[in-house]
Amino acid sequence: MPGELLVLMFGQQATGKTTTARALARQLDLPLHASHDLRAAMGFASGELYRQEMRDEVYERLLRGVTESGAVLDASFLRSAYRAAAYRVAEHSRLVAVVVECQAQVSDIAFRTRRRLGVPGPENQGDRMLYYRLRSAETDPLRQDGAIEHLRFDTSANTVTVVRSTSPATKCVERVLRSLSLLSGPGG
């Protein structure tokens, strides 16, 4: 069953995509392809990471690495054009594309980002404004993607919501997500 899957992680920064993607890849025995690893391997400087032409190149290479054996793709997939390209790759490779949408509480996003950046201390009002702007950044909603296999994983509460699941492959991903207890907020 896992070889039939192309799992697309979807969500804003610090929502738990990478931690979840690693666990899914391990549990489903699928290769993991991560956008942050590609950016580093391509030698992009931090100021270049989010320029549009660089982002396009990263997604193109990310999708080029997908084979018929399936994969877990760790990237934000905030743009519908990138998701559409991934759906085409899945269709061409006869894979079931499953979107795993990671969400988290703003306080957890703040905590995770501060920890990632090595910034000590509790969150503050400035953090809340930054994370609000992050979360409201331009994101193409998933509802415009049509009938897709879609699971929502709240990494703050470790809960799974089935948005759309019609295939046994998606149910397999759902079972793995429900078995995970890998993320937490300030306590973990």
C-alpha atoms as a PDB file:
ATOM      1  CA  MET A   1       0.000   0.000   0.000  1.00  0.00           C
ATOM      2  CA  PRO A   2       2.594   2.691   0.905  1.00  0.00           C
ATOM      3  CA  GLY A   3       4.219   2.446  -2.531  1.00  0.00           C
ATOM      4  CA  GLU A   4       1.007   3.840  -3.989  1.00  0.00           C
ATOM      5  CA  LEU A   5       1.350   7.168  -2.168  1.00  0.00           C
ATOM      6  CA  LEU A   6       2.554  10.649  -2.850  1.00  0.00           C
ATOM      7  CA  VAL A   7       2.086  12.545   0.414  1.00  0.00           C
ATOM      8  CA  LEU A   8       2.178  16.338   0.150  1.00  0.00           C
ATOM      9  CA  MET A   9       2.723  18.217   3.385  1.00  0.00           C
ATOM     10  CA  PHE A  10       0.812  21.505   3.430  1.00  0.00           C
ATOM     11  CA  GLY A  11       0.963  24.358   5.912  1.00  0.00           C
ATOM     12  CA  GLN A  12       2.643  27.461   7.213  1.00  0.00           C
ATOM     13  CA  GLN A  13       6.062  27.634   8.852  1.00  0.00           C
ATOM     14  CA  ALA A  14       6.433  25.917  12.264  1.00  0.00           C
ATOM     15  CA  THR A  15       3.170  23.983  12.028  1.00  0.00           C
ATOM     16  CA  GLY A  16       5.011  20.661  12.304  1.00  0.00           C
ATOM     17  CA  LYS A  17       5.331  19.676   8.647  1.00  0.00           C
ATOM     18  CA  THR A  18       8.926  18.429   8.820  1.00  0.00           C
ATOM     19  CA  THR A  19       8.504  16.448  12.036  1.00  0.00           C
ATOM     20  CA  THR A  20       5.304  14.905  10.697  1.00  0.00           C
ATOM     21  CA  ALA A  21       6.832  14.223   7.261  1.00  0.00           C
ATOM     22  CA  ARG A  22       9.794  12.407   8.814  1.00  0.00           C
ATOM     23  CA  ALA A  23       7.503  10.226  10.919  1.00  0.00           C
ATOM     24  CA  LEU A  24       5.212   9.460   7.972  1.00  0.00           C
ATOM     25  CA  ALA A  25       8.133   8.561   5.695  1.00  0.00           C
ATOM     26  CA  ARG A  26       9.560   6.263   8.349  1.00  0.00           C
ATOM     27  CA  GLN A  27       6.237   4.580   9.187  1.00  0.00           C
ATOM     28  CA  LEU A  28       5.145   4.239   5.544  1.00  0.00           C
ATOM     29  CA  ASP A  29       8.623   3.216   4.353  1.00  0.00           C
ATOM     30  CA  LEU A  30       8.661   5.966   1.720  1.00  0.00           C
ATOM     31  CA  PRO A  31      11.509   8.239   0.670  1.00  0.00           C
ATOM     32  CA  LEU A  32      11.393  11.756   2.116  1.00  0.00           C
ATOM     33  CA  HIS A  33      12.086  14.716  -0.160  1.00  0.00           C
ATOM     34  CA  ALA A  34      12.415  18.011   1.747  1.00  0.00           C
ATOM     35  CA  SER A  35      12.466  21.474   0.196  1.00  0.00           C
ATOM     36  CA  HIS A  36      14.834  22.832   2.871  1.00  0.00           C
ATOM     37  CA  ASP A  37      17.388  20.103   2.020  1.00  0.00           C
ATOM     38  CA  LEU A  38      17.123  20.954  -1.682  1.00  0.00           C
ATOM     39  CA  ARG A  39      17.622  24.674  -1.017  1.00  0.00           C
ATOM     40  CA  ALA A  40      20.745  23.922   0.997  1.00  0.00           C
ATOM     41  CA  ALA A  41      22.094  21.502  -1.634  1.00  0.00           C
ATOM     42  CA  MET A  42      21.470  24.104  -4.333  1.00  0.00           C
ATOM     43  CA  GLY A  43      23.526  26.609  -2.344  1.00  0.00           C
ATOM     44  CA  PHE A  44      20.842  29.239  -1.968  1.00  0.00           C
ATOM     45  CA  ALA A  45      21.755  32.034   0.403  1.00  0.00           C
ATOM     46  CA  SER A  46      19.151  32.847   3.027  1.00  0.00           C
ATOM     47  CA  GLY A  47      18.083  36.017   1.205  1.00  0.00           C
ATOM     48  CA  GLU A  48      17.380  33.985  -1.917  1.00  0.00           C
ATOM     49  CA  LEU A  49      15.314  31.237  -0.334  1.00  0.00           C
ATOM     50  CA  TYR A  50      11.921  32.735  -1.028  1.00  0.00           C
ATOM     51  CA  ARG A  51      12.433  34.606  -4.294  1.00  0.00           C
ATOM     52  CA  GLN A  52       9.865  33.339  -6.773  1.00  0.00           C
ATOM     53  CA  GLU A  53      12.267  31.943  -9.386  1.00  0.00           C
ATOM     54  CA  MET A  54      14.217  30.101  -6.677  1.00  0.00           C
ATOM     55  CA  ARG A  55      11.020  28.718  -5.192  1.00  0.00           C
ATOM     56  CA  ASP A  56       9.939  27.515  -8.651  1.00  0.00           C
ATOM     57  CA  GLU A  57      13.272  25.736  -9.129  1.00  0.00           C
ATOM     58  CA  VAL A  58      13.076  24.050  -5.719  1.00  0.00           C
ATOM     59  CA  TYR A  59       9.567  22.713  -6.374  1.00  0.00           C
ATOM     60  CA  GLU A  60      10.554  21.554  -9.860  1.00  0.00           C
ATOM     61  CA  ARG A  61      13.495  19.576  -8.447  1.00  0.00           C
ATOM     62  CA  LEU A  62      11.401  18.280  -5.563  1.00  0.00           C
ATOM     63  CA  LEU A  63       8.848  16.828  -7.978  1.00  0.00           C
ATOM     64  CA  ARG A  64      11.520  15.522 -10.341  1.00  0.00           C
ATOM     65  CA  GLY A  65      12.697  13.228  -7.542  1.00  0.00           C
ATOM     66  CA  VAL A  66       9.352  11.409  -7.299  1.00  0.00           C
ATOM     67  CA  THR A  67       9.274   7.860  -8.693  1.00  0.00           C
ATOM     68  CA  GLU A  68       6.595   5.189  -9.014  1.00  0.00           C
ATOM     69  CA  SER A  69       7.553   3.976  -5.546  1.00  0.00           C
ATOM     70  CA  GLY A  70       5.990   7.111  -4.038  1.00  0.00           C
ATOM     71  CA  ALA A  71       7.351   9.658  -1.584  1.00  0.00           C
ATOM     72  CA  VAL A  72       6.603  12.093   1.199  1.00  0.00           C
ATOM     73  CA  LEU A  73       7.167  15.680   0.041  1.00  0.00           C
ATOM     74  CA  ASP A  74       8.094  18.075   2.838  1.00  0.00           C
ATOM     75  CA  ALA A  75       7.356  21.570   1.554  1.00  0.00           C
ATOM     76  CA  SER A  76       4.674  24.132   2.308  1.00  0.00           C
ATOM     77  CA  PHE A  77       2.739  23.718  -0.992  1.00  0.00           C
ATOM     78  CA  LEU A  78       0.975  27.020  -0.268  1.00  0.00           C
ATOM     79  CA  ARG A  79       0.526  27.771  -3.978  1.00  0.00           C
ATOM     80  CA  SER A  80      -2.085  25.866  -5.956  1.00  0.00           C
ATOM     81  CA  ALA A  81       0.241  25.744  -8.990  1.00  0.00           C
ATOM     82  CA  TYR A  82       2.791  23.693  -7.029  1.00  0.00           C
ATOM     83  CA  ARG A  83       0.079  21.356  -5.759  1.00  0.00           C
ATOM     84  CA  ALA A  84      -1.353  20.973  -9.272  1.00  0.00           C
ATOM     85  CA  ALA A  85       2.105  20.019 -10.560  1.00  0.00           C
ATOM     86  CA  ALA A  86       2.391  17.421  -7.772  1.00  0.00           C
ATOM     87  CA  TYR A  87      -1.061  16.017  -8.617  1.00  0.00           C
ATOM     88  CA  ARG A  88       0.060  15.651 -12.267  1.00  0.00           C
ATOM     89  CA  VAL A  89       3.214  13.807 -11.166  1.00  0.00           C
ATOM     90  CA  ALA A  90       1.091  11.512  -9.003  1.00  0.00           C
ATOM     91  CA  GLU A  91      -1.300  10.805 -11.852  1.00  0.00           C
ATOM     92  CA  HIS A  92       1.547  10.144 -14.289  1.00  0.00           C
ATOM     93  CA  SER A  93       3.212   7.794 -11.771  1.00  0.00           C
ATOM     94  CA  ARG A  94      -0.114   6.135 -10.822  1.00  0.00           C
ATOM     95  CA  LEU A  95       0.170   7.299  -7.218  1.00  0.00           C
ATOM     96  CA  VAL A  96      -2.568   8.451  -4.871  1.00  0.00           C
ATOM     97  CA  ALA A  97      -1.835  12.051  -3.899  1.00  0.00           C
ATOM     98  CA  VAL A  98      -2.741  12.701  -0.263  1.00  0.00           C
ATOM     99  CA  VAL A  99      -2.474  16.194   1.201  1.00  0.00           C
ATOM    100  CA  VAL A 100      -1.631  16.311   4.902  1.00  0.00           C
ATOM    101  CA  GLU A 101      -2.472  19.800   6.099  1.00  0.00           C
ATOM    102  CA  CYS A 102      -0.558  20.668   9.268  1.00  0.00           C
ATOM    103  CA  GLN A 103      -2.013  23.246  11.613  1.00  0.00           C
ATOM    104  CA  ALA A 104      -0.987  24.461  15.051  1.00  0.00           C
ATOM    105  CA  GLN A 105      -1.987  26.971  17.686  1.00  0.00           C
ATOM    106  CA  VAL A 106      -0.346  30.382  17.262  1.00  0.00           C
ATOM    107  CA  SER A 107       1.324  30.013  20.682  1.00  0.00           C
ATOM    108  CA  ASP A 108       2.908  26.724  19.562  1.00  0.00           C
ATOM    109  CA  ILE A 109       4.061  28.259  16.288  1.00  0.00           C
ATOM    110  CA  ALA A 110       5.650  31.092  18.298  1.00  0.00           C
ATOM    111  CA  PHE A 111       7.340  28.647  20.665  1.00  0.00           C
ATOM    112  CA  ARG A 112       8.630  26.413  17.860  1.00  0.00           C
ATOM    113  CA  THR A 113       9.945  29.364  15.864  1.00  0.00           C
ATOM    114  CA  ARG A 114      11.683  30.873  18.894  1.00  0.00           C
ATOM    115  CA  ARG A 115      13.256  27.482  19.677  1.00  0.00           C
ATOM    116  CA  ARG A 116      14.324  27.014  16.034  1.00  0.00           C
ATOM    117  CA  LEU A 117      15.947  30.453  16.013  1.00  0.00           C
ATOM    118  CA  GLY A 118      17.535  29.947  19.430  1.00  0.00           C
ATOM    119  CA  VAL A 119      15.662  32.899  20.921  1.00  0.00           C
ATOM    120  CA  PRO A 120      15.211  32.450  24.689  1.00  0.00           C
ATOM    121  CA  GLY A 121      12.245  33.562  26.721  1.00  0.00           C
ATOM    122  CA  PRO A 122       8.472  33.489  26.405  1.00  0.00           C
ATOM    123  CA  GLU A 123       6.569  34.795  23.430  1.00  0.00           C
ATOM    124  CA  ASN A 124       5.541  38.426  23.409  1.00  0.00           C
ATOM    125  CA  GLN A 125       3.048  40.665  21.590  1.00  0.00           C
ATOM    126  CA  GLY A 126       5.528  41.214  18.741  1.00  0.00           C
ATOM    127  CA  ASP A 127       5.692  37.441  18.266  1.00  0.00           C
ATOM    128  CA  ARG A 128       1.916  37.273  18.029  1.00  0.00           C
ATOM    129  CA  MET A 129       1.838  39.943  15.309  1.00  0.00           C
ATOM    130  CA  LEU A 130       4.602  38.194  13.359  1.00  0.00           C
ATOM    131  CA  TYR A 131       2.827  34.828  13.511  1.00  0.00           C
ATOM    132  CA  TYR A 132      -0.494  36.373  12.621  1.00  0.00           C
ATOM    133  CA  ARG A 133       1.098  37.866   9.512  1.00  0.00           C
ATOM    134  CA  LEU A 134       2.800  34.557   8.776  1.00  0.00           C
ATOM    135  CA  ARG A 135      -0.453  32.653   9.016  1.00  0.00           C
ATOM    136  CA  SER A 136      -2.303  35.147   6.889  1.00  0.00           C
ATOM    137  CA  ALA A 137       0.414  35.179   4.230  1.00  0.00           C
ATOM    138  CA  GLU A 138      -0.779  34.527   0.729  1.00  0.00           C
ATOM    139  CA  THR A 139      -1.933  30.944   0.624  1.00  0.00           C
ATOM    140  CA  ASP A 140      -4.048  29.414  -2.114  1.00  0.00           C
ATOM    141  CA  PRO A 141      -6.797  27.526  -0.273  1.00  0.00           C
ATOM    142  CA  LEU A 142      -7.043  23.781  -0.753  1.00  0.00           C
ATOM    143  CA  ARG A 143     -10.747  23.986  -1.577  1.00  0.00           C
ATOM    144  CA  GLN A 144      -9.839  25.243  -5.057  1.00  0.00           C
ATOM    145  CA  ASP A 145      -7.911  22.032  -5.761  1.00  0.00           C
ATOM    146  CA  GLY A 146     -11.080  20.005  -6.401  1.00  0.00           C
ATOM    147  CA  ALA A 147     -11.630  16.460  -5.184  1.00  0.00           C
ATOM    148  CA  ILE A 148      -8.366  15.667  -3.432  1.00  0.00           C
ATOM    149  CA  GLU A 149      -7.489  13.218  -0.700  1.00  0.00           C
ATOM    150  CA  HIS A 150      -7.061  15.510   2.306  1.00  0.00           C
ATOM    151  CA  LEU A 151      -6.285  14.971   5.980  1.00  0.00           C
ATOM    152  CA  ARG A 152      -5.857  17.780   8.525  1.00  0.00           C
ATOM    153  CA  PHE A 153      -3.370  17.187  11.345  1.00  0.00           C
ATOM    154  CA  ASP A 154      -3.442  19.588  14.291  1.00  0.00           C
ATOM    155  CA  THR A 155       0.059  19.204  15.667  1.00  0.00           C
ATOM    156  CA  SER A 156      -0.790  21.163  18.823  1.00  0.00           C
ATOM    157  CA  ALA A 157      -3.527  18.744  19.839  1.00  0.00           C
ATOM    158  CA  ASN A 158      -2.307  15.658  17.917  1.00  0.00           C
ATOM    159  CA  THR A 159      -5.728  15.277  16.299  1.00  0.00           C
ATOM    160  CA  VAL A 160      -6.620  14.177  12.779  1.00  0.00           C
ATOM    161  CA  THR A 161      -9.611  15.397  10.800  1.00  0.00           C
ATOM    162  CA  VAL A 162     -10.590  13.567   7.640  1.00  0.00           C
ATOM    163  CA  VAL A 163     -11.538  16.196   5.086  1.00  0.00           C
ATOM    164  CA  ARG A 164     -11.756  13.779   2.149  1.00  0.00           C
ATOM    165  CA  SER A 165     -10.775  10.134   2.078  1.00  0.00           C
ATOM    166  CA  THR A 166     -11.927   7.763  -0.637  1.00  0.00           C
ATOM    167  CA  SER A 167      -8.938   5.446  -1.036  1.00  0.00           C
ATOM    168  CA  PRO A 168      -7.372   2.729   1.117  1.00  0.00           C
ATOM    169  CA  ALA A 169      -4.044   4.566   0.728  1.00  0.00           C
ATOM    170  CA  THR A 170      -5.469   7.668   2.425  1.00  0.00           C
ATOM    171  CA  LYS A 171      -6.910   5.550   5.226  1.00  0.00           C
ATOM    172  CA  CYS A 172      -3.405   4.097   5.712  1.00  0.00           C
ATOM    173  CA  VAL A 173      -1.950   7.611   6.113  1.00  0.00           C
ATOM    174  CA  GLU A 174      -4.775   8.482   8.502  1.00  0.00           C
ATOM    175  CA  ARG A 175      -3.994   5.448  10.693  1.00  0.00           C
ATOM    176  CA  VAL A 176      -0.319   6.428  10.865  1.00  0.00           C
ATOM    177  CA  LEU A 177      -1.173  10.037  11.762  1.00  0.00           C
ATOM    178  CA  ARG A 178      -3.528   8.864  14.508  1.00  0.00           C
ATOM    179  CA  SER A 179      -0.715   6.742  15.962  1.00  0.00           C
ATOM    180  CA  LEU A 180       1.729   9.651  16.166  1.00  0.00           C
ATOM    181  CA  SER A 181       2.345  11.565  19.324  1.00  0.00           C
ATOM    182  CA  LEU A 182       5.360  13.546  18.291  1.00  0.00           C
ATOM    183  CA  LEU A 183       4.689  17.229  18.642  1.00  0.00           C
ATOM    184  CA  SER A 184       3.804  19.478  21.485  1.00  0.00           C
ATOM    185  CA  GLY A 185       3.960  23.080  22.507  1.00  0.00           C
ATOM    186  CA  PRO A 186       6.112  24.709  25.146  1.00  0.00           C
ATOM    187  CA  GLY A 187       6.231  21.546  27.248  1.00  0.00           C
ATOM    188  CA  GLY A 188       7.837  19.318  24.633  1.00  0.00           C
END
